[in-house]
N, C-alpha and C. Protein backbone atom coordinates (compact mmCIF):
# COMPACT_ATOMS: atom_id res chain seq x y z
N MET A 1 -33.09 24.26 31.24
CA MET A 1 -31.66 24.59 31.24
C MET A 1 -30.89 23.34 30.89
N LEU A 2 -29.83 23.51 30.04
CA LEU A 2 -29.04 22.38 29.60
C LEU A 2 -28.12 21.91 30.70
N GLN A 3 -27.62 20.65 30.53
CA GLN A 3 -26.84 20.04 31.60
C GLN A 3 -25.48 20.70 31.74
N TRP A 4 -24.85 21.08 30.55
CA TRP A 4 -23.50 21.66 30.65
C TRP A 4 -23.54 23.09 31.15
N ASP A 5 -24.71 23.72 31.15
CA ASP A 5 -24.82 25.05 31.75
C ASP A 5 -24.78 24.99 33.26
N LEU A 6 -25.18 23.87 33.87
CA LEU A 6 -25.14 23.74 35.32
C LEU A 6 -23.72 23.66 35.84
N PHE A 7 -22.78 23.12 35.01
CA PHE A 7 -21.39 22.99 35.44
C PHE A 7 -20.50 23.72 34.44
N PRO A 8 -20.49 25.03 34.54
CA PRO A 8 -19.69 25.79 33.55
C PRO A 8 -18.21 25.58 33.71
N PHE A 9 -17.78 25.20 34.91
CA PHE A 9 -16.36 25.01 35.16
C PHE A 9 -16.04 23.54 35.41
N SER A 10 -16.66 22.63 34.68
CA SER A 10 -16.38 21.20 34.86
C SER A 10 -15.00 20.88 34.29
N VAL A 11 -14.30 19.89 34.90
CA VAL A 11 -12.93 19.52 34.52
C VAL A 11 -13.00 18.39 33.52
N THR A 12 -12.30 18.56 32.41
CA THR A 12 -12.26 17.52 31.39
C THR A 12 -11.23 16.46 31.78
N PRO A 13 -11.29 15.26 31.19
CA PRO A 13 -10.29 14.23 31.52
C PRO A 13 -8.87 14.67 31.19
N ALA A 14 -8.68 15.41 30.13
CA ALA A 14 -7.34 15.86 29.80
C ALA A 14 -6.82 16.84 30.84
N ALA A 15 -7.70 17.75 31.26
CA ALA A 15 -7.28 18.71 32.29
C ALA A 15 -6.99 17.99 33.59
N ASN A 16 -7.79 16.98 33.92
CA ASN A 16 -7.55 16.20 35.13
C ASN A 16 -6.18 15.51 35.07
N LEU A 17 -5.84 14.93 33.90
CA LEU A 17 -4.54 14.26 33.74
C LEU A 17 -3.40 15.26 33.87
N LEU A 18 -3.56 16.44 33.28
CA LEU A 18 -2.50 17.45 33.39
C LEU A 18 -2.34 17.92 34.84
N ALA A 19 -3.47 18.04 35.56
CA ALA A 19 -3.38 18.45 36.96
C ALA A 19 -2.63 17.41 37.78
N ARG A 20 -2.87 16.12 37.51
CA ARG A 20 -2.14 15.07 38.21
C ARG A 20 -0.64 15.13 37.92
N CYS A 21 -0.30 15.36 36.63
CA CYS A 21 1.12 15.44 36.26
C CYS A 21 1.80 16.61 36.97
N VAL A 22 1.10 17.75 37.08
CA VAL A 22 1.68 18.91 37.75
C VAL A 22 1.83 18.64 39.24
N SER A 23 0.80 17.98 39.86
CA SER A 23 0.86 17.71 41.29
C SER A 23 1.96 16.70 41.64
N ARG A 24 2.28 15.79 40.74
CA ARG A 24 3.32 14.78 41.01
C ARG A 24 4.70 15.19 40.53
N GLY A 25 4.81 16.31 39.88
CA GLY A 25 6.12 16.82 39.48
C GLY A 25 6.57 16.38 38.10
N ALA A 26 5.73 15.67 37.38
CA ALA A 26 6.11 15.26 36.03
C ALA A 26 6.13 16.44 35.09
N LEU A 27 5.26 17.42 35.33
CA LEU A 27 5.21 18.65 34.56
C LEU A 27 5.17 19.83 35.53
N SER A 28 5.61 20.95 35.00
CA SER A 28 5.49 22.18 35.80
C SER A 28 4.47 23.11 35.15
N GLN A 29 3.98 24.02 35.96
CA GLN A 29 2.98 24.95 35.44
C GLN A 29 3.58 25.86 34.38
N GLU A 30 4.87 26.14 34.50
CA GLU A 30 5.53 26.97 33.49
C GLU A 30 5.55 26.27 32.13
N ASP A 31 5.79 24.91 32.17
CA ASP A 31 5.78 24.16 30.91
C ASP A 31 4.41 24.19 30.26
N LEU A 32 3.37 24.07 31.11
CA LEU A 32 2.02 24.12 30.56
C LEU A 32 1.71 25.48 29.96
N ASP A 33 2.13 26.54 30.70
CA ASP A 33 1.87 27.89 30.20
C ASP A 33 2.63 28.16 28.90
N SER A 34 3.90 27.72 28.87
CA SER A 34 4.68 27.95 27.64
C SER A 34 4.13 27.10 26.49
N ALA A 35 3.63 25.88 26.82
CA ALA A 35 3.08 25.04 25.77
C ALA A 35 1.79 25.63 25.23
N SER A 36 1.01 26.23 26.11
CA SER A 36 -0.24 26.83 25.63
C SER A 36 0.03 28.07 24.79
N SER A 37 1.16 28.77 25.08
CA SER A 37 1.49 29.96 24.29
C SER A 37 2.16 29.60 22.96
N ARG A 38 2.86 28.40 22.91
CA ARG A 38 3.52 27.98 21.67
C ARG A 38 2.52 27.33 20.74
N GLN A 39 2.93 27.29 19.48
CA GLN A 39 2.11 26.59 18.51
C GLN A 39 2.37 25.08 18.55
N CYS A 40 3.50 24.68 19.15
CA CYS A 40 3.83 23.24 19.25
C CYS A 40 2.93 22.61 20.29
N PRO A 41 2.31 21.47 20.02
CA PRO A 41 1.39 20.87 20.98
C PRO A 41 2.08 20.12 22.11
N ALA A 42 3.42 20.01 22.10
CA ALA A 42 4.11 19.24 23.15
C ALA A 42 4.13 20.05 24.44
N PHE A 43 3.91 19.34 25.57
CA PHE A 43 3.84 20.02 26.86
C PHE A 43 5.19 20.05 27.57
N SER A 44 6.18 19.29 27.09
CA SER A 44 7.48 19.28 27.75
C SER A 44 8.56 19.23 26.69
N SER A 45 9.76 19.57 27.11
CA SER A 45 10.90 19.53 26.19
C SER A 45 11.21 18.11 25.77
N HIS A 46 10.95 17.11 26.65
CA HIS A 46 11.21 15.70 26.31
C HIS A 46 10.30 15.25 25.17
N LEU A 47 8.99 15.63 25.27
CA LEU A 47 8.08 15.28 24.19
C LEU A 47 8.47 15.98 22.89
N HIS A 48 8.91 17.23 23.05
CA HIS A 48 9.33 17.96 21.87
C HIS A 48 10.55 17.30 21.22
N GLU A 49 11.52 16.86 22.02
CA GLU A 49 12.70 16.18 21.48
C GLU A 49 12.32 14.84 20.85
N ALA A 50 11.36 14.14 21.49
CA ALA A 50 10.91 12.87 20.91
C ALA A 50 10.27 13.09 19.54
N GLU A 51 9.44 14.14 19.46
CA GLU A 51 8.83 14.45 18.16
C GLU A 51 9.89 14.82 17.13
N GLN A 52 10.91 15.58 17.58
CA GLN A 52 12.00 15.93 16.65
C GLN A 52 12.73 14.68 16.17
N ARG A 53 12.99 13.73 17.10
CA ARG A 53 13.68 12.48 16.71
C ARG A 53 12.84 11.69 15.73
N ILE A 54 11.53 11.61 15.99
CA ILE A 54 10.65 10.87 15.08
C ILE A 54 10.64 11.53 13.71
N ARG A 55 10.57 12.85 13.69
CA ARG A 55 10.57 13.56 12.41
C ARG A 55 11.89 13.36 11.66
N THR A 56 12.99 13.41 12.43
CA THR A 56 14.31 13.19 11.82
C THR A 56 14.43 11.77 11.26
N GLN A 57 13.90 10.79 12.03
CA GLN A 57 13.95 9.40 11.56
C GLN A 57 13.13 9.22 10.28
N ARG A 58 11.98 9.89 10.23
CA ARG A 58 11.17 9.82 9.01
C ARG A 58 11.92 10.42 7.82
N GLN A 59 12.57 11.56 8.06
CA GLN A 59 13.34 12.17 6.97
C GLN A 59 14.49 11.27 6.54
N LEU A 60 15.14 10.61 7.52
CA LEU A 60 16.23 9.70 7.20
C LEU A 60 15.73 8.50 6.39
N ASP A 61 14.57 7.96 6.80
CA ASP A 61 13.99 6.85 6.02
C ASP A 61 13.65 7.29 4.60
N GLN A 62 13.13 8.49 4.47
CA GLN A 62 12.80 9.01 3.14
C GLN A 62 14.05 9.15 2.28
N LEU A 63 15.13 9.66 2.91
CA LEU A 63 16.39 9.80 2.17
C LEU A 63 16.97 8.45 1.79
N GLN A 64 16.87 7.47 2.69
CA GLN A 64 17.36 6.14 2.37
C GLN A 64 16.57 5.51 1.22
N LEU A 65 15.27 5.72 1.23
CA LEU A 65 14.45 5.21 0.15
C LEU A 65 14.82 5.87 -1.19
N GLU A 66 15.04 7.18 -1.15
CA GLU A 66 15.46 7.87 -2.38
C GLU A 66 16.83 7.38 -2.85
N MET A 67 17.73 7.10 -1.87
CA MET A 67 19.05 6.60 -2.23
C MET A 67 18.95 5.21 -2.87
N GLN A 68 18.09 4.35 -2.32
CA GLN A 68 17.90 3.03 -2.91
C GLN A 68 17.32 3.13 -4.32
N LEU A 69 16.39 4.06 -4.50
CA LEU A 69 15.84 4.27 -5.85
C LEU A 69 16.92 4.73 -6.83
N LEU A 70 17.79 5.65 -6.35
CA LEU A 70 18.88 6.12 -7.22
C LEU A 70 19.87 5.00 -7.52
N GLN A 71 20.13 4.13 -6.52
CA GLN A 71 21.03 3.00 -6.74
C GLN A 71 20.45 2.03 -7.76
N THR A 72 19.15 1.75 -7.64
CA THR A 72 18.51 0.86 -8.61
C THR A 72 18.53 1.47 -10.00
N GLU A 73 18.30 2.78 -10.06
CA GLU A 73 18.34 3.46 -11.37
C GLU A 73 19.75 3.41 -11.95
N LYS A 74 20.77 3.51 -11.09
CA LYS A 74 22.15 3.44 -11.58
C LYS A 74 22.48 2.04 -12.08
N GLU A 75 22.02 1.00 -11.37
CA GLU A 75 22.30 -0.37 -11.79
C GLU A 75 21.60 -0.70 -13.10
N ASP A 76 20.42 -0.13 -13.30
CA ASP A 76 19.66 -0.42 -14.52
C ASP A 76 19.83 0.67 -15.56
N ALA A 77 20.90 1.44 -15.44
CA ALA A 77 21.06 2.58 -16.36
C ALA A 77 21.31 2.12 -17.78
N ASP A 78 22.00 0.96 -17.94
CA ASP A 78 22.28 0.50 -19.30
C ASP A 78 21.03 0.02 -20.02
N VAL A 79 19.93 -0.13 -19.28
CA VAL A 79 18.68 -0.56 -19.90
C VAL A 79 17.70 0.60 -20.02
N THR A 80 17.69 1.46 -19.01
CA THR A 80 16.66 2.50 -18.95
C THR A 80 17.15 3.89 -19.34
N HIS A 81 18.47 4.14 -19.26
CA HIS A 81 18.95 5.50 -19.50
C HIS A 81 18.85 5.83 -20.99
N THR A 82 18.53 7.08 -21.26
CA THR A 82 18.32 7.49 -22.65
C THR A 82 19.61 7.46 -23.46
N PHE A 83 20.76 7.67 -22.81
CA PHE A 83 22.03 7.66 -23.54
C PHE A 83 22.28 6.28 -24.16
N TYR A 84 22.14 5.22 -23.34
CA TYR A 84 22.37 3.87 -23.85
C TYR A 84 21.26 3.45 -24.81
N LEU A 85 20.04 3.85 -24.51
CA LEU A 85 18.94 3.50 -25.40
C LEU A 85 19.13 4.17 -26.76
N THR A 86 19.62 5.41 -26.78
CA THR A 86 19.87 6.09 -28.05
C THR A 86 20.93 5.37 -28.86
N ARG A 87 22.00 4.94 -28.17
CA ARG A 87 23.07 4.22 -28.87
C ARG A 87 22.56 2.91 -29.46
N ARG A 88 21.79 2.17 -28.67
CA ARG A 88 21.25 0.91 -29.17
C ARG A 88 20.26 1.13 -30.32
N PHE A 89 19.50 2.20 -30.21
CA PHE A 89 18.55 2.50 -31.28
C PHE A 89 19.29 2.84 -32.57
N GLN A 90 20.41 3.55 -32.46
CA GLN A 90 21.20 3.85 -33.65
C GLN A 90 21.77 2.58 -34.27
N ILE A 91 22.28 1.66 -33.43
CA ILE A 91 22.82 0.40 -33.96
C ILE A 91 21.71 -0.40 -34.63
N LEU A 92 20.54 -0.40 -34.00
CA LEU A 92 19.41 -1.12 -34.59
C LEU A 92 19.00 -0.51 -35.93
N GLN A 93 19.02 0.81 -36.03
CA GLN A 93 18.70 1.46 -37.29
C GLN A 93 19.72 1.11 -38.37
N MET A 94 21.01 1.07 -37.99
CA MET A 94 22.05 0.70 -38.96
C MET A 94 21.84 -0.74 -39.43
N PHE A 95 21.51 -1.63 -38.50
CA PHE A 95 21.28 -3.03 -38.87
C PHE A 95 20.07 -3.14 -39.80
N CYS A 96 19.02 -2.40 -39.50
CA CYS A 96 17.82 -2.45 -40.35
C CYS A 96 18.12 -1.91 -41.74
N GLY A 97 18.94 -0.85 -41.80
CA GLY A 97 19.31 -0.32 -43.11
C GLY A 97 20.13 -1.33 -43.91
N HIS A 98 21.07 -2.01 -43.23
CA HIS A 98 21.86 -3.04 -43.92
C HIS A 98 20.96 -4.18 -44.39
N LEU A 99 20.02 -4.56 -43.55
CA LEU A 99 19.10 -5.62 -43.94
C LEU A 99 18.24 -5.21 -45.13
N GLN A 100 17.83 -3.98 -45.16
CA GLN A 100 17.05 -3.51 -46.31
C GLN A 100 17.87 -3.54 -47.59
N ASP A 101 19.16 -3.15 -47.48
CA ASP A 101 20.03 -3.23 -48.66
C ASP A 101 20.20 -4.66 -49.14
N VAL A 102 20.32 -5.59 -48.18
CA VAL A 102 20.46 -7.01 -48.56
C VAL A 102 19.20 -7.51 -49.24
N LEU A 103 18.04 -7.10 -48.72
CA LEU A 103 16.79 -7.54 -49.33
C LEU A 103 16.62 -6.93 -50.74
N LYS A 104 17.13 -5.72 -50.93
CA LYS A 104 17.05 -5.13 -52.26
C LYS A 104 17.88 -5.94 -53.26
N ASP A 105 19.06 -6.39 -52.81
CA ASP A 105 19.95 -7.15 -53.69
C ASP A 105 19.72 -8.66 -53.58
N GLN A 106 18.55 -9.06 -53.15
CA GLN A 106 18.28 -10.48 -52.92
C GLN A 106 18.41 -11.29 -54.22
N ASN A 107 17.89 -10.77 -55.31
CA ASN A 107 17.96 -11.49 -56.58
C ASN A 107 19.40 -11.67 -57.04
N ASN A 108 20.19 -10.59 -56.92
CA ASN A 108 21.59 -10.69 -57.32
C ASN A 108 22.34 -11.70 -56.46
N LEU A 109 22.08 -11.67 -55.15
CA LEU A 109 22.73 -12.63 -54.26
C LEU A 109 22.31 -14.05 -54.58
N ARG A 110 21.04 -14.25 -54.87
CA ARG A 110 20.56 -15.60 -55.20
C ARG A 110 21.23 -16.10 -56.47
N GLN A 111 21.38 -15.26 -57.47
CA GLN A 111 22.04 -15.68 -58.71
C GLN A 111 23.51 -15.98 -58.48
N ARG A 112 24.16 -15.19 -57.63
CA ARG A 112 25.58 -15.44 -57.35
C ARG A 112 25.77 -16.73 -56.57
N LEU A 113 24.84 -17.04 -55.66
CA LEU A 113 24.95 -18.28 -54.89
C LEU A 113 24.62 -19.50 -55.73
N MET A 114 23.72 -19.34 -56.67
CA MET A 114 23.37 -20.48 -57.52
C MET A 114 24.37 -20.72 -58.64
N ARG A 115 25.29 -19.79 -58.87
CA ARG A 115 26.29 -19.96 -59.91
C ARG A 115 27.27 -21.04 -59.49
N PRO A 116 27.66 -21.96 -60.35
CA PRO A 116 28.60 -23.02 -59.96
C PRO A 116 29.97 -22.44 -59.62
N LEU A 117 30.65 -23.14 -58.70
CA LEU A 117 31.92 -22.64 -58.21
C LEU A 117 33.02 -22.74 -59.26
N GLY A 118 32.86 -23.66 -60.24
CA GLY A 118 33.90 -23.82 -61.24
C GLY A 118 34.13 -22.57 -62.04
N ARG A 119 33.13 -21.77 -62.23
CA ARG A 119 33.27 -20.56 -63.02
C ARG A 119 33.98 -19.45 -62.26
N THR A 120 34.03 -19.60 -60.97
CA THR A 120 34.66 -18.55 -60.17
C THR A 120 36.14 -18.81 -59.94
N ASN A 121 36.66 -19.99 -60.38
CA ASN A 121 38.08 -20.28 -60.20
C ASN A 121 38.93 -19.38 -61.09
N LEU A 122 40.11 -19.08 -60.57
CA LEU A 122 41.01 -18.25 -61.35
C LEU A 122 41.66 -19.09 -62.46
N PRO A 123 41.74 -18.60 -63.66
CA PRO A 123 42.37 -19.37 -64.74
C PRO A 123 43.88 -19.46 -64.54
N VAL A 124 44.46 -20.62 -64.96
CA VAL A 124 45.90 -20.84 -64.87
C VAL A 124 46.48 -20.74 -66.27
N ARG A 125 47.51 -19.96 -66.39
CA ARG A 125 48.13 -19.77 -67.70
C ARG A 125 48.79 -21.06 -68.17
N ALA A 126 48.93 -21.21 -69.48
CA ALA A 126 49.40 -22.47 -70.08
C ALA A 126 50.83 -22.80 -69.67
N HIS A 127 51.70 -21.81 -69.57
CA HIS A 127 53.10 -22.10 -69.24
C HIS A 127 53.28 -22.43 -67.76
N LEU A 128 52.20 -22.30 -66.94
CA LEU A 128 52.28 -22.64 -65.51
C LEU A 128 51.64 -23.98 -65.18
N HIS A 129 51.09 -24.69 -66.17
CA HIS A 129 50.42 -25.97 -65.88
C HIS A 129 51.38 -26.98 -65.30
N ARG A 130 52.62 -27.08 -65.89
CA ARG A 130 53.60 -28.05 -65.39
C ARG A 130 53.97 -27.74 -63.94
N SER A 131 54.12 -26.48 -63.61
CA SER A 131 54.46 -26.10 -62.22
C SER A 131 53.33 -26.46 -61.25
N VAL A 132 52.09 -26.28 -61.69
CA VAL A 132 50.96 -26.63 -60.83
C VAL A 132 50.93 -28.13 -60.59
N VAL A 133 51.18 -28.94 -61.66
CA VAL A 133 51.18 -30.40 -61.49
C VAL A 133 52.30 -30.84 -60.55
N ASN A 134 53.49 -30.24 -60.69
CA ASN A 134 54.60 -30.57 -59.80
C ASN A 134 54.29 -30.17 -58.36
N SER A 135 53.66 -29.04 -58.18
CA SER A 135 53.30 -28.59 -56.82
C SER A 135 52.32 -29.56 -56.17
N VAL A 136 51.35 -30.06 -56.96
CA VAL A 136 50.39 -31.02 -56.41
C VAL A 136 51.09 -32.31 -56.03
N LYS A 137 52.05 -32.77 -56.87
CA LYS A 137 52.79 -33.99 -56.52
C LYS A 137 53.60 -33.80 -55.25
N LEU A 138 54.27 -32.65 -55.15
CA LEU A 138 55.04 -32.37 -53.93
C LEU A 138 54.13 -32.34 -52.71
N LEU A 139 52.95 -31.78 -52.87
CA LEU A 139 52.00 -31.73 -51.75
C LEU A 139 51.58 -33.13 -51.34
N LEU A 140 51.31 -33.99 -52.32
CA LEU A 140 50.91 -35.37 -51.99
C LEU A 140 52.06 -36.11 -51.31
N ASP A 141 53.29 -35.93 -51.81
CA ASP A 141 54.45 -36.57 -51.18
C ASP A 141 54.64 -36.08 -49.74
N PHE A 142 54.44 -34.79 -49.55
CA PHE A 142 54.59 -34.25 -48.20
C PHE A 142 53.55 -34.85 -47.25
N VAL A 143 52.30 -34.95 -47.72
CA VAL A 143 51.24 -35.53 -46.88
C VAL A 143 51.56 -36.98 -46.55
N GLU A 144 52.05 -37.74 -47.53
CA GLU A 144 52.37 -39.14 -47.29
C GLU A 144 53.53 -39.28 -46.30
N THR A 145 54.58 -38.46 -46.50
CA THR A 145 55.73 -38.49 -45.58
C THR A 145 55.30 -38.08 -44.17
N LEU A 146 54.45 -37.09 -44.10
CA LEU A 146 53.97 -36.66 -42.78
C LEU A 146 53.20 -37.78 -42.09
N GLY A 147 52.35 -38.51 -42.85
CA GLY A 147 51.63 -39.63 -42.26
C GLY A 147 52.57 -40.70 -41.74
N GLU A 148 53.65 -41.01 -42.51
CA GLU A 148 54.61 -42.02 -42.05
C GLU A 148 55.34 -41.55 -40.79
N LYS A 149 55.71 -40.30 -40.76
CA LYS A 149 56.39 -39.76 -39.58
C LYS A 149 55.49 -39.85 -38.35
N LEU A 150 54.22 -39.52 -38.53
CA LEU A 150 53.30 -39.59 -37.39
C LEU A 150 53.13 -41.03 -36.91
N LYS A 151 53.07 -41.98 -37.87
CA LYS A 151 52.96 -43.39 -37.48
C LYS A 151 54.19 -43.83 -36.71
N SER A 152 55.39 -43.42 -37.19
CA SER A 152 56.61 -43.81 -36.49
C SER A 152 56.68 -43.20 -35.08
N VAL A 153 56.22 -41.97 -34.95
CA VAL A 153 56.22 -41.34 -33.61
C VAL A 153 55.28 -42.09 -32.69
N HIS A 154 54.08 -42.45 -33.17
CA HIS A 154 53.13 -43.19 -32.33
C HIS A 154 53.68 -44.56 -31.97
N SER A 155 54.34 -45.23 -32.95
CA SER A 155 54.90 -46.55 -32.64
C SER A 155 56.04 -46.44 -31.65
N TRP A 156 56.85 -45.37 -31.74
CA TRP A 156 57.94 -45.18 -30.78
C TRP A 156 57.39 -44.96 -29.38
N ILE A 157 56.29 -44.22 -29.27
CA ILE A 157 55.68 -44.01 -27.95
C ILE A 157 55.17 -45.32 -27.38
N ARG A 158 54.53 -46.14 -28.23
CA ARG A 158 54.05 -47.45 -27.77
C ARG A 158 55.22 -48.35 -27.38
N THR A 159 56.33 -48.33 -28.17
CA THR A 159 57.50 -49.14 -27.85
C THR A 159 58.11 -48.72 -26.52
N ARG A 160 58.16 -47.43 -26.27
CA ARG A 160 58.70 -46.94 -24.99
C ARG A 160 57.85 -47.44 -23.83
N ASP A 161 56.54 -47.43 -24.01
CA ASP A 161 55.66 -47.94 -22.95
C ASP A 161 55.89 -49.43 -22.74
N TYR A 162 56.08 -50.18 -23.85
CA TYR A 162 56.32 -51.62 -23.74
C TYR A 162 57.65 -51.89 -23.02
N LEU A 163 58.68 -51.10 -23.32
CA LEU A 163 59.97 -51.28 -22.65
C LEU A 163 59.86 -50.98 -21.15
N THR A 164 59.09 -49.97 -20.82
CA THR A 164 58.89 -49.65 -19.39
C THR A 164 58.19 -50.81 -18.69
N GLN A 165 57.16 -51.38 -19.31
CA GLN A 165 56.48 -52.53 -18.72
C GLN A 165 57.40 -53.72 -18.62
N LEU A 166 58.28 -53.92 -19.64
CA LEU A 166 59.22 -55.04 -19.61
C LEU A 166 60.23 -54.87 -18.49
N ASP A 167 60.72 -53.67 -18.26
CA ASP A 167 61.64 -53.43 -17.15
C ASP A 167 60.97 -53.70 -15.81
N THR A 168 59.72 -53.27 -15.69
CA THR A 168 59.00 -53.52 -14.44
C THR A 168 58.80 -55.01 -14.21
N SER A 169 58.45 -55.74 -15.27
CA SER A 169 58.25 -57.19 -15.14
C SER A 169 59.56 -57.89 -14.81
N LEU A 170 60.67 -57.45 -15.41
CA LEU A 170 61.97 -58.06 -15.12
C LEU A 170 62.37 -57.84 -13.68
N THR A 171 62.14 -56.63 -13.18
CA THR A 171 62.46 -56.34 -11.77
C THR A 171 61.64 -57.23 -10.84
N TRP A 172 60.36 -57.38 -11.15
CA TRP A 172 59.50 -58.23 -10.32
C TRP A 172 59.94 -59.68 -10.38
N LEU A 173 60.36 -60.15 -11.57
CA LEU A 173 60.81 -61.54 -11.75
C LEU A 173 62.09 -61.79 -10.96
N LEU A 174 63.03 -60.84 -10.99
CA LEU A 174 64.27 -61.00 -10.22
C LEU A 174 63.98 -61.05 -8.72
N ALA A 175 63.04 -60.24 -8.27
CA ALA A 175 62.67 -60.29 -6.85
C ALA A 175 62.08 -61.64 -6.49
N GLN A 176 61.27 -62.21 -7.38
CA GLN A 176 60.71 -63.53 -7.13
C GLN A 176 61.79 -64.61 -7.11
N VAL A 177 62.79 -64.48 -7.99
CA VAL A 177 63.89 -65.45 -8.01
C VAL A 177 64.67 -65.40 -6.72
N VAL A 178 64.96 -64.20 -6.23
CA VAL A 178 65.69 -64.06 -4.97
C VAL A 178 64.89 -64.67 -3.82
N GLU A 179 63.60 -64.41 -3.80
CA GLU A 179 62.74 -64.98 -2.74
C GLU A 179 62.69 -66.50 -2.84
N LEU A 180 62.63 -67.04 -4.07
CA LEU A 180 62.60 -68.49 -4.26
C LEU A 180 63.92 -69.13 -3.83
N GLN A 181 65.01 -68.45 -4.11
CA GLN A 181 66.32 -68.99 -3.70
C GLN A 181 66.43 -69.00 -2.19
N THR A 182 65.95 -67.97 -1.53
CA THR A 182 65.97 -67.93 -0.06
C THR A 182 65.14 -69.08 0.52
N LEU A 183 63.95 -69.29 -0.06
CA LEU A 183 63.09 -70.37 0.43
C LEU A 183 63.74 -71.74 0.19
N SER A 184 64.41 -71.91 -0.96
CA SER A 184 65.06 -73.21 -1.22
C SER A 184 66.21 -73.45 -0.25
N ASN A 185 66.95 -72.40 0.10
CA ASN A 185 68.03 -72.57 1.09
C ASN A 185 67.47 -72.96 2.45
N GLN A 186 66.35 -72.37 2.84
CA GLN A 186 65.73 -72.72 4.12
C GLN A 186 65.25 -74.17 4.11
N VAL A 187 64.69 -74.61 2.98
CA VAL A 187 64.22 -76.00 2.89
C VAL A 187 65.40 -76.96 2.99
N LEU A 188 66.50 -76.64 2.36
CA LEU A 188 67.69 -77.51 2.45
C LEU A 188 68.23 -77.57 3.87
N GLN A 189 68.21 -76.40 4.54
CA GLN A 189 68.69 -76.41 5.94
C GLN A 189 67.78 -77.25 6.82
N TRP A 190 66.46 -77.16 6.62
CA TRP A 190 65.53 -77.96 7.43
C TRP A 190 65.72 -79.46 7.14
N ARG A 191 66.00 -79.76 5.88
CA ARG A 191 66.20 -81.17 5.52
C ARG A 191 67.47 -81.71 6.20
N GLU A 192 68.52 -80.92 6.21
CA GLU A 192 69.75 -81.37 6.87
C GLU A 192 69.53 -81.54 8.37
N VAL A 193 68.80 -80.61 8.96
CA VAL A 193 68.52 -80.73 10.41
C VAL A 193 67.68 -81.96 10.68
N GLY A 194 66.71 -82.23 9.82
CA GLY A 194 65.86 -83.41 10.01
C GLY A 194 66.64 -84.71 9.84
N SER A 195 67.54 -84.77 8.87
CA SER A 195 68.34 -86.00 8.67
C SER A 195 69.30 -86.23 9.82
N SER A 196 69.85 -85.14 10.35
CA SER A 196 70.77 -85.29 11.49
C SER A 196 70.01 -85.76 12.72
N LEU A 197 68.81 -85.30 12.92
CA LEU A 197 68.02 -85.75 14.07
C LEU A 197 67.66 -87.23 13.93
N GLN A 198 67.36 -87.66 12.74
CA GLN A 198 67.02 -89.08 12.53
C GLN A 198 68.24 -89.97 12.74
N SER A 199 69.42 -89.52 12.38
CA SER A 199 70.63 -90.36 12.57
C SER A 199 71.00 -90.43 14.04
N ASP A 200 70.74 -89.38 14.79
CA ASP A 200 71.07 -89.40 16.22
C ASP A 200 70.08 -90.22 17.04
N SER A 201 68.88 -90.36 16.62
CA SER A 201 67.89 -91.11 17.41
C SER A 201 68.18 -92.62 17.29
N PRO A 202 67.95 -93.48 18.40
CA PRO A 202 68.18 -94.94 18.34
C PRO A 202 67.20 -95.62 17.38
N ALA A 203 67.66 -96.65 16.81
CA ALA A 203 66.83 -97.39 15.85
C ALA A 203 65.66 -98.02 16.55
């Protein structure tokens, strides 16, 4: 005969723990009976509420993660979104088409660039040559006059600075003269006092 057949009604550790909880008032027999009849494995309403809170927190974390993903997708939309990528692809296609046209006309462009600039100047009619020469002279006179005016303006600015320095030096010199005059008056007074003391003392 097997060992578990000898004790058909042996108490498991879980049943022992539940019996202790019922005897101490942590659980009631009604809660155990209702838990055994329900599909939910929680034995009390507190455990059931805790499981609900944990499930709600998991759903909230999932929603926050999805929101962060959507925020990242929004921030990177100008790089990853098909609308912006389509626009950039169209601009790139236009640029490539323009570049292909330039490469097709490469020989013509090379010949135009190698052509001397003298041939591209506009011709001047014969009756306008004198006016062109006079205009060039007037332009040269204007440039020369402008250079002289600029030199005079710069020299006037330097002269103004020199006058300001001269005024400052003159003010300082006058202050020194006044101080020197005061010192000379004091020396004269001391000399008079010294001579009077010498005349009053016996020989």
